[in-house]
Amino acid sequence: MQFESFSDFIAMGGYGFYVWLSYGSCAFVLLSVLLSSLHDAKQLKQQVKLQIEREARIKKAQQEQAV
């Protein structure tokens, strides 16, 4: 489908509102999923770091008790 002008392209033969709304909502959902995944990964890394530190403290305390 070829368009005569940029405004015809935006109008999409009268369906522009629905077409661009679909693209916009899809972009919003994908961006939301990306940001949520990045946030969850950051939290998970922090929890793993805290767990490793906790286990190291427990191991050190057990070694001190054994001596």
N, C-alpha and C. Protein backbone atom coordinates (compact mmCIF):
# COMPACT_ATOMS: atom_id res chain seq x y z
N MET A 1 0.85 -1.17 0.00
CA MET A 1 0.00 0.00 0.00
C MET A 1 0.90 1.24 0.00
N GLN A 2 0.73 2.09 -0.97
CA GLN A 2 1.51 3.32 -1.05
C GLN A 2 0.64 4.49 -0.66
N PHE A 3 1.26 5.47 -0.07
CA PHE A 3 0.53 6.64 0.40
C PHE A 3 1.00 7.87 -0.38
N GLU A 4 0.10 8.79 -0.61
CA GLU A 4 0.39 10.00 -1.36
C GLU A 4 1.19 11.01 -0.53
N SER A 5 0.96 11.03 0.77
CA SER A 5 1.66 11.98 1.63
C SER A 5 1.86 11.37 3.01
N PHE A 6 2.61 12.08 3.83
CA PHE A 6 2.85 11.60 5.18
C PHE A 6 1.57 11.58 6.00
N SER A 7 0.70 12.57 5.78
CA SER A 7 -0.57 12.60 6.53
C SER A 7 -1.47 11.42 6.12
N ASP A 8 -1.39 11.00 4.84
CA ASP A 8 -2.13 9.79 4.43
C ASP A 8 -1.56 8.56 5.12
N PHE A 9 -0.25 8.54 5.28
CA PHE A 9 0.38 7.43 5.99
C PHE A 9 -0.09 7.36 7.43
N ILE A 10 -0.13 8.53 8.10
CA ILE A 10 -0.58 8.59 9.49
C ILE A 10 -2.05 8.19 9.58
N ALA A 11 -2.86 8.60 8.62
CA ALA A 11 -4.30 8.31 8.65
C ALA A 11 -4.58 6.84 8.35
N MET A 12 -3.70 6.17 7.63
CA MET A 12 -3.84 4.74 7.30
C MET A 12 -5.21 4.42 6.69
N GLY A 13 -5.64 5.24 5.80
CA GLY A 13 -6.92 4.97 5.13
C GLY A 13 -8.11 5.03 6.07
N GLY A 14 -8.02 5.83 7.11
CA GLY A 14 -9.12 5.96 8.06
C GLY A 14 -8.98 5.06 9.28
N TYR A 15 -8.00 4.20 9.28
CA TYR A 15 -7.80 3.28 10.40
C TYR A 15 -6.57 3.65 11.24
N GLY A 16 -6.03 4.83 11.02
CA GLY A 16 -4.81 5.26 11.69
C GLY A 16 -4.91 5.22 13.20
N PHE A 17 -6.05 5.67 13.74
CA PHE A 17 -6.21 5.68 15.19
C PHE A 17 -6.02 4.28 15.76
N TYR A 18 -6.63 3.29 15.16
CA TYR A 18 -6.55 1.92 15.66
C TYR A 18 -5.17 1.31 15.43
N VAL A 19 -4.58 1.62 14.28
CA VAL A 19 -3.25 1.09 13.97
C VAL A 19 -2.22 1.64 14.95
N TRP A 20 -2.20 2.96 15.12
CA TRP A 20 -1.20 3.58 15.99
C TRP A 20 -1.48 3.29 17.46
N LEU A 21 -2.74 3.13 17.82
CA LEU A 21 -3.07 2.73 19.18
C LEU A 21 -2.54 1.32 19.45
N SER A 22 -2.66 0.44 18.48
CA SER A 22 -2.14 -0.92 18.62
C SER A 22 -0.62 -0.92 18.77
N TYR A 23 0.05 -0.17 17.91
CA TYR A 23 1.51 -0.07 18.02
C TYR A 23 1.92 0.53 19.36
N GLY A 24 1.25 1.57 19.77
CA GLY A 24 1.58 2.22 21.04
C GLY A 24 1.37 1.33 22.24
N SER A 25 0.24 0.63 22.25
CA SER A 25 -0.04 -0.25 23.39
C SER A 25 0.94 -1.43 23.42
N CYS A 26 1.30 -1.93 22.27
CA CYS A 26 2.27 -3.03 22.20
C CYS A 26 3.63 -2.55 22.70
N ALA A 27 4.05 -1.38 22.27
CA ALA A 27 5.33 -0.82 22.72
C ALA A 27 5.31 -0.59 24.23
N PHE A 28 4.20 -0.11 24.75
CA PHE A 28 4.08 0.12 26.19
C PHE A 28 4.19 -1.19 26.97
N VAL A 29 3.52 -2.22 26.50
CA VAL A 29 3.57 -3.53 27.18
C VAL A 29 4.98 -4.10 27.13
N LEU A 30 5.63 -4.04 25.97
CA LEU A 30 6.99 -4.57 25.85
C LEU A 30 7.96 -3.80 26.73
N LEU A 31 7.83 -2.49 26.78
CA LEU A 31 8.69 -1.69 27.63
C LEU A 31 8.44 -2.00 29.10
N SER A 32 7.20 -2.19 29.47
CA SER A 32 6.86 -2.54 30.85
C SER A 32 7.47 -3.89 31.25
N VAL A 33 7.37 -4.85 30.37
CA VAL A 33 7.95 -6.17 30.64
C VAL A 33 9.46 -6.06 30.79
N LEU A 34 10.10 -5.29 29.92
CA LEU A 34 11.55 -5.12 29.99
C LEU A 34 11.96 -4.48 31.31
N LEU A 35 11.31 -3.39 31.68
CA LEU A 35 11.65 -2.70 32.92
C LEU A 35 11.38 -3.58 34.15
N SER A 36 10.29 -4.31 34.12
CA SER A 36 9.97 -5.21 35.22
C SER A 36 11.02 -6.31 35.35
N SER A 37 11.44 -6.86 34.23
CA SER A 37 12.46 -7.91 34.24
C SER A 37 13.78 -7.39 34.77
N LEU A 38 14.17 -6.19 34.36
CA LEU A 38 15.42 -5.61 34.85
C LEU A 38 15.35 -5.35 36.35
N HIS A 39 14.21 -4.88 36.82
CA HIS A 39 14.03 -4.62 38.25
C HIS A 39 14.09 -5.93 39.03
N ASP A 40 13.41 -6.96 38.54
CA ASP A 40 13.41 -8.26 39.22
C ASP A 40 14.81 -8.87 39.25
N ALA A 41 15.57 -8.72 38.16
CA ALA A 41 16.92 -9.27 38.11
C ALA A 41 17.81 -8.56 39.12
N LYS A 42 17.65 -7.25 39.24
CA LYS A 42 18.44 -6.50 40.22
C LYS A 42 18.13 -6.95 41.64
N GLN A 43 16.85 -7.14 41.93
CA GLN A 43 16.46 -7.60 43.26
C GLN A 43 16.98 -9.01 43.54
N LEU A 44 16.91 -9.88 42.56
CA LEU A 44 17.38 -11.25 42.72
C LEU A 44 18.88 -11.28 42.99
N LYS A 45 19.65 -10.47 42.25
CA LYS A 45 21.09 -10.41 42.48
C LYS A 45 21.39 -9.92 43.89
N GLN A 46 20.64 -8.94 44.35
CA GLN A 46 20.84 -8.41 45.71
C GLN A 46 20.52 -9.49 46.74
N GLN A 47 19.45 -10.25 46.54
CA GLN A 47 19.09 -11.31 47.48
C GLN A 47 20.14 -12.41 47.51
N VAL A 48 20.68 -12.76 46.35
CA VAL A 48 21.73 -13.78 46.30
C VAL A 48 22.97 -13.29 47.03
N LYS A 49 23.34 -12.03 46.83
CA LYS A 49 24.49 -11.47 47.52
C LYS A 49 24.30 -11.52 49.03
N LEU A 50 23.12 -11.14 49.50
CA LEU A 50 22.84 -11.18 50.93
C LEU A 50 22.87 -12.60 51.47
N GLN A 51 22.36 -13.56 50.70
CA GLN A 51 22.36 -14.95 51.11
C GLN A 51 23.79 -15.49 51.23
N ILE A 52 24.65 -15.13 50.28
CA ILE A 52 26.04 -15.57 50.33
C ILE A 52 26.74 -14.98 51.55
N GLU A 53 26.50 -13.70 51.82
CA GLU A 53 27.10 -13.08 53.00
C GLU A 53 26.60 -13.73 54.29
N ARG A 54 25.33 -14.04 54.34
CA ARG A 54 24.74 -14.69 55.52
C ARG A 54 25.36 -16.06 55.73
N GLU A 55 25.51 -16.83 54.67
CA GLU A 55 26.10 -18.16 54.79
C GLU A 55 27.57 -18.08 55.22
N ALA A 56 28.28 -17.06 54.74
CA ALA A 56 29.69 -16.90 55.14
C ALA A 56 29.78 -16.58 56.63
N ARG A 57 28.88 -15.73 57.13
CA ARG A 57 28.88 -15.41 58.57
C ARG A 57 28.56 -16.65 59.40
N ILE A 58 27.61 -17.45 58.96
CA ILE A 58 27.24 -18.67 59.69
C ILE A 58 28.42 -19.64 59.71
N LYS A 59 29.08 -19.81 58.57
CA LYS A 59 30.22 -20.72 58.49
C LYS A 59 31.36 -20.24 59.39
N LYS A 60 31.60 -18.94 59.41
CA LYS A 60 32.65 -18.39 60.26
C LYS A 60 32.32 -18.60 61.73
N ALA A 61 31.07 -18.40 62.09
CA ALA A 61 30.65 -18.59 63.49
C ALA A 61 30.79 -20.05 63.89
N GLN A 62 30.45 -20.96 63.02
CA GLN A 62 30.58 -22.38 63.32
C GLN A 62 32.05 -22.77 63.49
N GLN A 63 32.93 -22.20 62.69
CA GLN A 63 34.35 -22.49 62.81
C GLN A 63 34.92 -21.96 64.13
N GLU A 64 34.45 -20.78 64.53
CA GLU A 64 34.91 -20.21 65.79
C GLU A 64 34.43 -21.03 66.98
N GLN A 65 33.25 -21.60 66.89
CA GLN A 65 32.71 -22.43 67.98
C GLN A 65 33.47 -23.74 68.08
N ALA A 66 33.92 -24.25 66.95
CA ALA A 66 34.63 -25.52 66.93
C ALA A 66 36.02 -25.40 67.53
N VAL A 67 36.56 -24.21 67.53
CA VAL A 67 37.93 -24.01 68.06
C VAL A 67 37.93 -23.83 69.53
